[in-house]
Amino acid sequence: MIVIVNPPNPEHAVSNKDTMGGLGQLYAEGSLIKIPPIDIAYCAALLRKNNLALNLIDCLGDSLDLKGLISRLNQIKPEFVALRTSTPTFDCDMQITQEIKRQLGCKVIIFGPHVTIFPEEAIKNEFVDALILGEPEYSLLEIVGKNGFSGCRGVWYKDKEAIIRNDPRDRTTDLDGLPFPAWDLMPYRSYEAGELMNNIKPFVTALTSRGCPHACLYCPYPVAQGRDLRARSPENVVAELEWLTRDLGVKAVLFRDPEFALKKDRAVDICNLILSRALKIAWRCETRLEDLDEALIRLMAKSGCIGINIGIESADKEVLQNTGRKPVPLKKARKIINSCRKNNIGAFCFFIIGLPKDNKRTVRKTIDYALGLDPEFVQFTVATPYPGTALLKWAIEHSYIEDQSLSCLTGYAAAMRNENLTCRQIDWLRWFANEAMDTRAAVALKRLRMGRTSIFTEFKRGIRFHLAELFGN
């Protein structure tokens, strides 16, 4: 018997291990965002398909603390416990392995992208018996099927004093061959994404593809999923949506693909299949501005799309090119955002402050760009040196890292400076940018309620006045 575990939250925080390419994020305690890691649902589904004994404990969904987790494990008495780790929670996760080992004495396995990036460090933990590198589904299946670690590809394990490093396992290419994630074994009705999913519940996540061919300096997606795009067939994707709506009563799905519309024909086929099968499900995805056009947006909306997450990052050409991106002209970007608004799709645009070459002038330019774009939601985060990224390598080479603790890698507090800005300046600029957008939203709401369209014009003039005061002319 194996128990797959999404461990308890760290104290005074909420851990969403599925975000940031699977490296995870920490949110403030009380956050309405509760997104489970989909890989544990895939692992459970594959074990069940092969008639192997398993249990699954999602401490996030069940609001379990360490005491509650240990109590459940003591009732089950498993031979193996497999913990899904993340980067900002890794130190906390290792404390949990210690307590599991002390209380139960079973074999402890850890997995997740952080473990894959730092296996030598992870395997040295005295309370860890084995770890999985890369995608966990088939490695975990082999461990449970053999009732041990010997010869299991993608697995490192301890044999007395020795560390045995088995051969690596290739990434899964036949994604259609995987069973649908076993959400029915998880407390999926407790998951929520707040306004991101229009507060619609029950809600779960889905992966229609893995991998991202781009090489953006800051992005952890290729680190965790590789650069080769591996896509499920549209028929397989929509069959999963049918099962979710028919058997589980799911009403909303957040597609967690790095870039949903990278292959436009495939995105079109998924939308058309949803329509042809008359599925009533709301969904949201993430993609690039360059992938979108008005025809695709109309079709996405017609098939149930309620929102699109769009990473724009910076409005400055030099900053963007240095990260491996190309800027999208404001006129073209505004056309896409307006098309989203016209089709009742909420555009959520993301920007990053503190990237290499960023300075006060480029940040001002980015804030102006965001104001001109006027999407439904905007979020400014800080450049974060996630493990495995080229940004981390760059920051180390230039001695720009100022906070080396894993728990600080959240995207909301600067852990690194750049050649022009200190961590304190980056944090302050992020605060200012988000305040500017929040004020815009409040005034826009007042304008809608009062019907005074000139208010918004005056507001933008006011924001630009304050920007001039802050940055100079």
Protein backbone atom coordinates (compact mmCIF):
# COMPACT_ATOMS: atom_id res chain seq x y z
CA MET A 1 0.00 0.00 0.00
CA ILE A 2 1.21 3.46 -0.91
CA VAL A 3 -0.18 6.81 0.21
CA ILE A 4 0.41 9.80 -2.07
CA VAL A 5 0.47 13.03 -0.06
CA ASN A 6 0.12 16.71 -0.81
CA PRO A 7 1.71 17.86 2.48
CA PRO A 8 0.26 20.37 4.96
CA ASN A 9 0.73 24.10 4.48
CA PRO A 10 3.61 25.86 6.20
CA GLU A 11 2.58 27.96 9.16
CA HIS A 12 0.65 31.13 8.23
CA ALA A 13 0.71 30.36 4.50
CA VAL A 14 -1.15 28.54 1.74
CA SER A 15 0.92 26.40 -0.61
CA ASN A 16 -0.16 25.91 -4.22
CA LYS A 17 2.38 23.46 -5.58
CA ASP A 18 1.01 23.38 -9.14
CA THR A 19 1.89 26.99 -9.98
CA MET A 20 5.19 28.34 -11.32
CA GLY A 21 5.67 25.34 -13.57
CA GLY A 22 5.20 22.99 -10.63
CA LEU A 23 7.84 24.64 -8.44
CA GLY A 24 4.97 26.11 -6.43
CA GLN A 25 4.01 29.34 -4.73
CA LEU A 26 3.16 30.49 -1.22
CA TYR A 27 0.17 32.72 -0.59
CA ALA A 28 -0.81 34.53 2.58
CA GLU A 29 -2.83 32.58 5.12
CA GLY A 30 -6.53 32.85 4.32
CA SER A 31 -5.96 33.01 0.57
CA LEU A 32 -8.98 31.98 -1.49
CA ILE A 33 -6.69 30.31 -4.04
CA LYS A 34 -6.51 26.54 -3.45
CA ILE A 35 -5.08 24.76 -6.49
CA PRO A 36 -3.90 21.16 -6.02
CA PRO A 37 -0.92 19.66 -7.87
CA ILE A 38 -2.34 17.71 -10.79
CA ASP A 39 0.54 15.22 -10.88
CA ILE A 40 -0.63 13.50 -7.69
CA ALA A 41 -4.04 12.95 -9.33
CA TYR A 42 -2.32 11.45 -12.38
CA CYS A 43 -0.19 9.17 -10.17
CA ALA A 44 -3.25 7.91 -8.32
CA ALA A 45 -5.14 7.31 -11.57
CA LEU A 46 -2.31 5.24 -13.08
CA LEU A 47 -1.92 3.10 -9.96
CA ARG A 48 -5.68 2.50 -9.85
CA LYS A 49 -5.75 1.57 -13.53
CA ASN A 50 -3.14 -1.11 -12.78
CA ASN A 51 -5.11 -2.46 -9.78
CA LEU A 52 -2.48 -1.44 -7.22
CA ALA A 53 -3.43 -0.52 -3.66
CA LEU A 54 -3.21 3.20 -2.95
CA ASN A 55 -4.58 6.02 -0.90
CA LEU A 56 -4.35 9.73 -1.50
CA ILE A 57 -4.27 12.49 1.11
CA ASP A 58 -4.53 16.11 0.00
CA CYS A 59 -3.83 18.22 3.06
CA LEU A 60 -4.56 21.41 1.10
CA GLY A 61 -8.04 20.30 0.09
CA ASP A 62 -8.86 18.73 3.45
CA SER A 63 -7.27 21.56 5.50
CA LEU A 64 -5.13 19.03 7.37
CA ASP A 65 -2.21 20.02 9.56
CA LEU A 66 0.70 17.72 10.37
CA LYS A 67 -1.11 16.18 13.32
CA GLY A 68 -4.11 15.38 11.12
CA LEU A 69 -1.90 13.89 8.42
CA ILE A 70 -0.09 11.62 10.88
CA SER A 71 -3.42 10.50 12.33
CA ARG A 72 -4.68 9.44 8.89
CA LEU A 73 -1.43 7.69 8.04
CA ASN A 74 -1.53 5.77 11.31
CA GLN A 75 -4.99 4.49 10.38
CA ILE A 76 -3.77 3.30 6.96
CA LYS A 77 -0.31 2.00 7.97
CA PRO A 78 1.21 2.14 4.46
CA GLU A 79 4.47 0.59 3.29
CA PHE A 80 5.30 3.69 1.24
CA VAL A 81 4.47 7.38 1.60
CA ALA A 82 5.16 9.59 -1.44
CA LEU A 83 5.29 13.34 -0.75
CA ARG A 84 4.83 15.99 -3.43
CA THR A 85 7.32 18.75 -2.60
CA SER A 86 7.72 22.30 -3.90
CA THR A 87 10.48 24.91 -3.84
CA PRO A 88 9.17 27.46 -1.28
CA THR A 89 7.92 24.68 1.03
CA PHE A 90 10.88 22.32 0.68
CA ASP A 91 12.36 22.93 4.14
CA CYS A 92 8.90 22.46 5.68
CA ASP A 93 8.34 19.33 3.58
CA MET A 94 11.58 17.83 4.92
CA GLN A 95 10.39 18.42 8.49
CA ILE A 96 7.25 16.50 7.59
CA THR A 97 9.30 13.55 6.28
CA GLN A 98 11.07 13.46 9.64
CA GLU A 99 7.79 13.19 11.53
CA ILE A 100 6.41 10.53 9.16
CA LYS A 101 9.57 8.48 9.54
CA ARG A 102 9.55 8.85 13.31
CA GLN A 103 5.87 8.02 13.75
CA LEU A 104 5.37 5.30 11.11
CA GLY A 105 8.78 3.97 10.11
CA CYS A 106 7.61 3.41 6.51
CA LYS A 107 9.55 4.10 3.32
CA VAL A 108 9.44 7.80 2.43
CA ILE A 109 9.59 8.90 -1.23
CA ILE A 110 9.75 12.53 -2.35
CA PHE A 111 9.10 13.98 -5.81
CA GLY A 112 8.39 17.22 -7.65
CA PRO A 113 10.39 19.57 -9.90
CA HIS A 114 12.46 20.90 -6.99
CA VAL A 115 13.68 17.38 -6.23
CA THR A 116 14.50 16.86 -9.91
CA ILE A 117 16.64 20.02 -9.97
CA PHE A 118 18.44 19.31 -6.67
CA PRO A 119 18.56 15.50 -6.31
CA GLU A 120 21.99 15.35 -4.63
CA GLU A 121 20.86 17.68 -1.88
CA ALA A 122 17.46 16.00 -1.50
CA ILE A 123 18.69 12.40 -1.23
CA LYS A 124 21.03 13.34 1.63
CA ASN A 125 18.09 13.98 3.93
CA GLU A 126 18.29 11.20 6.52
CA PHE A 127 14.52 10.70 6.58
CA VAL A 128 14.18 10.22 2.80
CA ASP A 129 14.48 6.68 1.43
CA ALA A 130 14.04 7.45 -2.26
CA LEU A 131 13.27 10.21 -4.71
CA ILE A 132 11.82 10.43 -8.19
CA LEU A 133 13.44 12.56 -10.87
CA GLY A 134 11.22 13.99 -13.61
CA GLU A 135 7.60 13.09 -14.20
CA PRO A 136 6.48 10.79 -11.39
CA GLU A 137 3.62 8.70 -12.81
CA TYR A 138 5.41 5.70 -14.32
CA SER A 139 8.28 5.70 -11.81
CA LEU A 140 5.81 5.48 -8.94
CA LEU A 141 3.92 2.75 -10.78
CA GLU A 142 7.13 0.73 -11.09
CA ILE A 143 8.02 1.21 -7.41
CA VAL A 144 4.64 -0.03 -6.21
CA GLY A 145 4.51 -2.83 -8.79
CA LYS A 146 7.91 -4.14 -7.71
CA ASN A 147 7.37 -3.28 -4.04
CA GLY A 148 10.83 -1.74 -4.02
CA PHE A 149 13.26 0.63 -5.72
CA SER A 150 15.80 -1.65 -7.41
CA GLY A 151 15.91 -1.14 -11.18
CA CYS A 152 13.12 1.46 -11.19
CA ARG A 153 14.01 4.06 -13.81
CA GLY A 154 14.00 7.67 -12.70
CA VAL A 155 14.55 6.68 -9.06
CA TRP A 156 17.42 7.30 -6.64
CA TYR A 157 17.35 5.39 -3.38
CA LYS A 158 19.39 4.41 -0.35
CA ASP A 159 20.70 0.89 0.19
CA LYS A 160 22.21 0.94 3.68
CA GLU A 161 25.02 3.52 3.37
CA ALA A 162 25.04 3.60 -0.44
CA ILE A 163 23.04 5.88 -2.73
CA ILE A 164 21.84 3.99 -5.80
CA ARG A 165 21.19 6.11 -8.87
CA ASN A 166 19.02 4.17 -11.30
CA ASP A 167 18.89 5.00 -15.00
CA PRO A 168 16.83 8.08 -15.86
CA ARG A 169 13.31 7.83 -17.26
CA ASP A 170 12.32 9.66 -20.43
CA ARG A 171 9.45 12.12 -20.25
CA THR A 172 6.08 10.65 -21.17
CA THR A 173 5.28 11.25 -24.84
CA ASP A 174 1.98 9.35 -25.11
CA LEU A 175 -0.13 11.59 -22.90
CA ASP A 176 -3.33 10.06 -24.29
CA GLY A 177 -2.17 6.79 -22.73
CA LEU A 178 -2.47 8.21 -19.23
CA PRO A 179 -5.82 7.80 -17.45
CA PHE A 180 -7.66 10.97 -16.51
CA PRO A 181 -6.52 12.49 -13.19
CA ALA A 182 -8.28 10.79 -10.27
CA TRP A 183 -10.08 13.85 -8.93
CA ASP A 184 -12.74 11.51 -7.55
CA LEU A 185 -10.15 10.35 -4.99
CA MET A 186 -9.49 13.93 -3.91
CA PRO A 187 -11.57 16.59 -2.10
CA TYR A 188 -12.08 18.47 -5.36
CA ARG A 189 -15.17 20.30 -4.16
CA SER A 190 -13.00 22.27 -1.74
CA TYR A 191 -10.72 23.66 -4.47
CA GLU A 192 -11.20 27.23 -5.57
CA ALA A 193 -9.53 29.96 -7.57
CA GLY A 194 -11.69 32.94 -6.58
CA GLU A 195 -12.21 35.61 -9.22
CA LEU A 196 -9.78 33.79 -11.50
CA MET A 197 -12.61 31.32 -12.20
CA ASN A 198 -15.48 33.74 -11.54
CA ASN A 199 -15.94 31.96 -8.18
CA ILE A 200 -17.40 28.95 -10.02
CA LYS A 201 -17.26 25.62 -8.17
CA PRO A 202 -16.67 22.69 -8.31
CA PHE A 203 -13.46 23.50 -10.13
CA VAL A 204 -10.39 21.41 -11.07
CA THR A 205 -7.33 21.78 -13.27
CA ALA A 206 -6.36 19.99 -16.48
CA LEU A 207 -3.27 19.60 -18.66
CA THR A 208 -3.84 19.31 -22.39
CA SER A 209 -0.11 19.50 -23.12
CA ARG A 210 3.27 19.50 -21.43
CA GLY A 211 6.45 21.33 -22.38
CA CYS A 212 7.25 24.80 -23.72
CA PRO A 213 9.56 25.43 -26.69
CA HIS A 214 10.44 28.96 -25.61
CA ALA A 215 13.56 29.78 -23.62
CA CYS A 216 12.46 32.72 -21.49
CA LEU A 217 15.15 33.68 -18.99
CA TYR A 218 12.88 33.72 -15.95
CA CYS A 219 10.41 30.90 -16.65
CA PRO A 220 10.34 27.59 -14.74
CA TYR A 221 7.98 25.80 -17.18
CA PRO A 222 10.74 24.42 -19.47
CA VAL A 223 12.75 23.45 -16.38
CA ALA A 224 9.94 21.25 -15.09
CA GLN A 225 8.35 20.08 -18.35
CA GLY A 226 11.10 20.36 -20.97
CA ARG A 227 11.30 22.33 -24.22
CA ASP A 228 9.55 19.76 -26.43
CA LEU A 229 5.80 20.22 -26.78
CA ARG A 230 3.90 17.01 -25.97
CA ALA A 231 0.20 17.39 -26.64
CA ARG A 232 -2.87 15.28 -26.02
CA SER A 233 -5.32 14.81 -28.86
CA PRO A 234 -8.33 17.16 -28.83
CA GLU A 235 -10.59 14.08 -28.61
CA ASN A 236 -8.84 12.89 -25.45
CA VAL A 237 -9.03 16.34 -23.86
CA VAL A 238 -12.74 16.73 -24.51
CA ALA A 239 -13.45 13.16 -23.35
CA GLU A 240 -11.93 14.20 -20.02
CA LEU A 241 -14.16 17.28 -19.89
CA GLU A 242 -17.19 15.08 -20.56
CA TRP A 243 -16.22 12.78 -17.68
CA LEU A 244 -15.64 15.72 -15.33
CA THR A 245 -19.02 17.31 -16.05
CA ARG A 246 -21.07 14.11 -16.30
CA ASP A 247 -19.63 12.01 -13.47
CA LEU A 248 -18.18 14.56 -11.04
CA GLY A 249 -20.40 17.58 -11.62
CA VAL A 250 -17.41 19.83 -12.30
CA LYS A 251 -18.46 23.24 -13.61
CA ALA A 252 -15.12 24.91 -14.31
CA VAL A 253 -11.64 23.87 -15.45
CA LEU A 254 -8.37 25.76 -15.32
CA PHE A 255 -6.09 24.54 -18.10
CA ARG A 256 -2.54 24.54 -16.71
CA ASP A 257 -0.71 24.26 -20.04
CA PRO A 258 2.28 26.59 -20.37
CA GLU A 259 0.79 27.89 -23.65
CA PHE A 260 -2.68 26.60 -24.51
CA ALA A 261 -2.94 28.16 -27.99
CA LEU A 262 0.64 27.54 -29.11
CA LYS A 263 -0.75 25.23 -31.82
CA LYS A 264 -3.73 27.26 -33.00
CA ASP A 265 -5.33 24.46 -35.06
CA ARG A 266 -5.35 22.22 -32.00
CA ALA A 267 -6.94 24.93 -29.84
CA VAL A 268 -9.61 25.40 -32.51
CA ASP A 269 -10.30 21.65 -32.60
CA ILE A 270 -10.72 21.52 -28.81
CA CYS A 271 -13.18 24.42 -28.89
CA ASN A 272 -15.18 22.92 -31.76
CA LEU A 273 -15.40 19.54 -30.02
CA ILE A 274 -16.67 21.19 -26.83
CA LEU A 275 -19.36 22.87 -28.92
CA SER A 276 -20.28 19.79 -30.94
CA ARG A 277 -20.78 17.79 -27.75
CA ALA A 278 -22.75 20.61 -26.13
CA LEU A 279 -20.60 20.62 -22.99
CA LYS A 280 -21.55 23.25 -20.44
CA ILE A 281 -18.26 24.01 -18.73
CA ALA A 282 -16.44 27.24 -17.98
CA TRP A 283 -12.71 27.24 -18.57
CA ARG A 284 -9.63 29.41 -18.37
CA CYS A 285 -6.20 29.04 -19.96
CA GLU A 286 -2.79 30.66 -20.25
CA THR A 287 -1.24 31.69 -23.55
CA ARG A 288 0.70 34.46 -25.28
CA LEU A 289 -0.71 37.57 -26.92
CA GLU A 290 0.95 36.49 -30.15
CA ASP A 291 -1.17 33.31 -30.22
CA LEU A 292 -4.48 35.16 -30.20
CA ASP A 293 -6.64 36.75 -32.86
CA GLU A 294 -10.25 37.91 -32.88
CA ALA A 295 -11.59 34.78 -34.59
CA LEU A 296 -9.96 32.45 -32.06
CA ILE A 297 -11.12 34.59 -29.14
CA ARG A 298 -14.73 34.47 -30.40
CA LEU A 299 -14.56 30.68 -30.73
CA MET A 300 -12.98 30.27 -27.30
CA ALA A 301 -15.72 32.38 -25.72
CA LYS A 302 -18.43 30.45 -27.52
CA SER A 303 -17.03 27.17 -26.17
CA GLY A 304 -17.01 28.36 -22.57
CA CYS A 305 -13.76 30.29 -22.07
CA ILE A 306 -14.19 32.85 -19.29
CA GLY A 307 -10.61 34.03 -18.96
CA ILE A 308 -7.10 34.05 -20.39
CA ASN A 309 -3.88 34.53 -18.43
CA ILE A 310 -1.35 36.46 -20.51
CA GLY A 311 2.27 36.98 -19.54
CA ILE A 312 3.49 40.28 -21.01
CA GLU A 313 6.27 40.88 -18.44
CA SER A 314 7.66 44.23 -19.67
CA ALA A 315 6.90 46.98 -22.17
CA ASP A 316 10.56 47.75 -22.79
CA LYS A 317 12.05 46.23 -25.94
CA GLU A 318 15.58 45.84 -24.55
CA VAL A 319 14.41 44.27 -21.28
CA LEU A 320 12.16 41.83 -23.12
CA GLN A 321 14.71 40.86 -25.75
CA ASN A 322 17.20 40.14 -23.00
CA THR A 323 14.74 37.58 -21.58
CA GLY A 324 14.11 35.91 -24.93
CA ARG A 325 10.81 37.68 -25.64
CA LYS A 326 9.65 40.20 -28.23
CA PRO A 327 7.39 43.12 -27.25
CA VAL A 328 3.89 43.30 -28.69
CA PRO A 329 2.98 46.83 -29.87
CA LEU A 330 0.43 48.47 -27.57
CA LYS A 331 -2.03 49.01 -30.44
CA LYS A 332 -2.06 45.31 -31.32
CA ALA A 333 -2.17 44.24 -27.68
CA ARG A 334 -5.05 46.60 -26.94
CA LYS A 335 -6.96 45.14 -29.89
CA ILE A 336 -6.63 41.64 -28.40
CA ILE A 337 -7.64 42.80 -24.91
CA ASN A 338 -10.63 44.69 -26.33
CA SER A 339 -11.66 41.56 -28.22
CA CYS A 340 -11.51 39.59 -24.97
CA ARG A 341 -13.65 42.18 -23.23
CA LYS A 342 -16.17 42.24 -26.09
CA ASN A 343 -16.52 38.45 -25.80
CA ASN A 344 -16.82 38.46 -21.98
CA ILE A 345 -13.41 36.87 -21.51
CA GLY A 346 -11.49 38.24 -18.55
CA ALA A 347 -7.91 39.02 -19.58
CA PHE A 348 -5.42 38.68 -16.71
CA CYS A 349 -2.11 40.29 -17.69
CA PHE A 350 1.11 39.60 -15.80
CA PHE A 351 4.13 41.90 -15.59
CA ILE A 352 7.53 41.43 -13.92
CA ILE A 353 9.58 44.15 -12.21
CA GLY A 354 13.32 43.79 -11.69
CA LEU A 355 14.33 41.77 -14.75
CA PRO A 356 17.88 42.27 -16.07
CA LYS A 357 18.31 45.82 -17.47
CA ASP A 358 15.10 47.01 -15.75
CA ASN A 359 15.36 50.50 -14.25
CA LYS A 360 13.02 53.25 -13.10
CA ARG A 361 12.45 54.42 -16.67
CA THR A 362 11.57 50.96 -18.01
CA VAL A 363 9.28 50.27 -15.05
CA ARG A 364 7.46 53.54 -15.68
CA LYS A 365 7.09 52.51 -19.32
CA THR A 366 5.63 49.16 -18.28
CA ILE A 367 3.15 50.76 -15.88
CA ASP A 368 2.05 53.19 -18.62
CA TYR A 369 1.66 50.25 -21.00
CA ALA A 370 -0.50 48.37 -18.49
CA LEU A 371 -2.67 51.45 -17.94
CA GLY A 372 -3.11 51.86 -21.68
CA LEU A 373 -3.89 48.19 -22.13
CA ASP A 374 -6.62 48.30 -19.45
CA PRO A 375 -7.27 44.54 -19.01
CA GLU A 376 -9.74 43.18 -16.49
CA PHE A 377 -6.99 42.03 -14.12
CA VAL A 378 -3.33 43.01 -13.81
CA GLN A 379 -0.64 41.61 -11.54
CA PHE A 380 2.89 42.86 -11.08
CA THR A 381 5.36 40.40 -9.57
CA VAL A 382 9.10 40.63 -9.02
CA ALA A 383 11.81 38.88 -11.01
CA THR A 384 12.42 35.68 -9.06
CA PRO A 385 15.48 33.41 -9.49
CA TYR A 386 13.64 30.09 -9.57
CA PRO A 387 15.80 26.95 -9.45
CA GLY A 388 16.96 25.74 -12.84
CA THR A 389 16.25 28.99 -14.68
CA ALA A 390 18.76 31.06 -16.62
CA LEU A 391 17.77 34.01 -14.40
CA LEU A 392 19.16 32.22 -11.35
CA LYS A 393 22.42 31.50 -13.17
CA TRP A 394 22.68 35.17 -14.22
CA ALA A 395 21.97 36.42 -10.69
CA ILE A 396 24.58 34.10 -9.18
CA GLU A 397 27.21 35.10 -11.76
CA HIS A 398 26.68 38.77 -10.90
CA SER A 399 26.31 38.26 -7.11
CA TYR A 400 22.79 39.71 -7.18
CA ILE A 401 21.14 37.18 -4.83
CA GLU A 402 20.29 38.85 -1.51
CA ASP A 403 18.00 36.25 0.07
CA GLN A 404 18.89 32.59 -0.42
CA SER A 405 16.02 31.08 1.58
CA LEU A 406 13.70 28.88 -0.47
CA SER A 407 10.59 30.25 1.24
CA CYS A 408 11.27 33.70 -0.23
CA LEU A 409 10.81 32.45 -3.80
CA THR A 410 7.20 33.55 -4.12
CA GLY A 411 7.23 36.24 -6.81
CA TYR A 412 5.93 38.77 -4.29
CA ALA A 413 9.14 39.80 -2.50
CA ALA A 414 12.48 40.48 -4.16
CA ALA A 415 15.18 37.90 -3.49
CA MET A 416 17.57 39.41 -6.04
CA ARG A 417 18.51 42.87 -7.24
CA ASN A 418 19.67 43.78 -10.72
CA GLU A 419 22.28 46.14 -12.13
CA ASN A 420 20.04 49.20 -11.61
CA LEU A 421 17.63 48.48 -8.74
CA THR A 422 18.02 47.26 -5.17
CA CYS A 423 15.66 44.67 -3.68
CA ARG A 424 14.00 47.40 -1.67
CA GLN A 425 13.42 49.51 -4.78
CA ILE A 426 12.03 46.52 -6.69
CA ASP A 427 9.60 45.72 -3.86
CA TRP A 428 8.50 49.34 -3.64
CA LEU A 429 8.02 49.65 -7.40
CA ARG A 430 5.94 46.47 -7.43
CA TRP A 431 3.78 47.88 -4.63
CA PHE A 432 3.37 51.17 -6.47
CA ALA A 433 2.49 49.48 -9.76
CA ASN A 434 -0.19 47.31 -8.17
CA GLU A 435 -1.57 50.29 -6.24
CA ALA A 436 -1.80 52.25 -9.50
CA MET A 437 -3.78 49.44 -11.12
CA ASP A 438 -5.98 48.92 -8.05
CA THR A 439 -6.82 52.63 -7.96
CA ARG A 440 -7.63 52.46 -11.66
CA ALA A 441 -10.03 49.60 -10.97
CA ALA A 442 -11.75 51.43 -8.12
CA VAL A 443 -12.26 54.57 -10.19
CA ALA A 444 -13.45 52.56 -13.18
CA LEU A 445 -16.06 50.91 -10.97
CA LYS A 446 -17.22 54.27 -9.71
CA ARG A 447 -17.40 55.53 -13.30
CA LEU A 448 -19.58 52.59 -14.30
CA ARG A 449 -21.90 53.17 -11.35
CA MET A 450 -22.22 56.91 -11.90
CA GLY A 451 -22.05 57.01 -15.68
CA ARG A 452 -19.41 59.76 -15.58
CA THR A 453 -17.00 58.70 -18.31
CA SER A 454 -14.75 61.74 -17.87
CA ILE A 455 -13.64 60.50 -14.44
CA PHE A 456 -11.47 57.80 -15.97
CA THR A 457 -9.70 60.29 -18.20
CA GLU A 458 -8.95 62.51 -15.21
CA PHE A 459 -7.75 59.47 -13.26
CA LYS A 460 -5.21 58.52 -15.94
CA ARG A 461 -3.97 62.10 -15.96
CA GLY A 462 -3.56 61.87 -12.20
CA ILE A 463 -1.64 58.60 -12.40
CA ARG A 464 0.71 60.04 -14.99
CA PHE A 465 1.25 63.07 -12.74
CA HIS A 466 2.26 60.79 -9.86
CA LEU A 467 4.51 58.76 -12.16
CA ALA A 468 6.25 61.97 -13.17
CA GLU A 469 6.69 62.86 -9.50
CA LEU A 470 8.13 59.41 -8.76
CA PHE A 471 10.41 58.93 -11.76
CA GLY A 472 11.02 62.45 -13.00
CA ASN A 473 10.30 63.66 -16.52
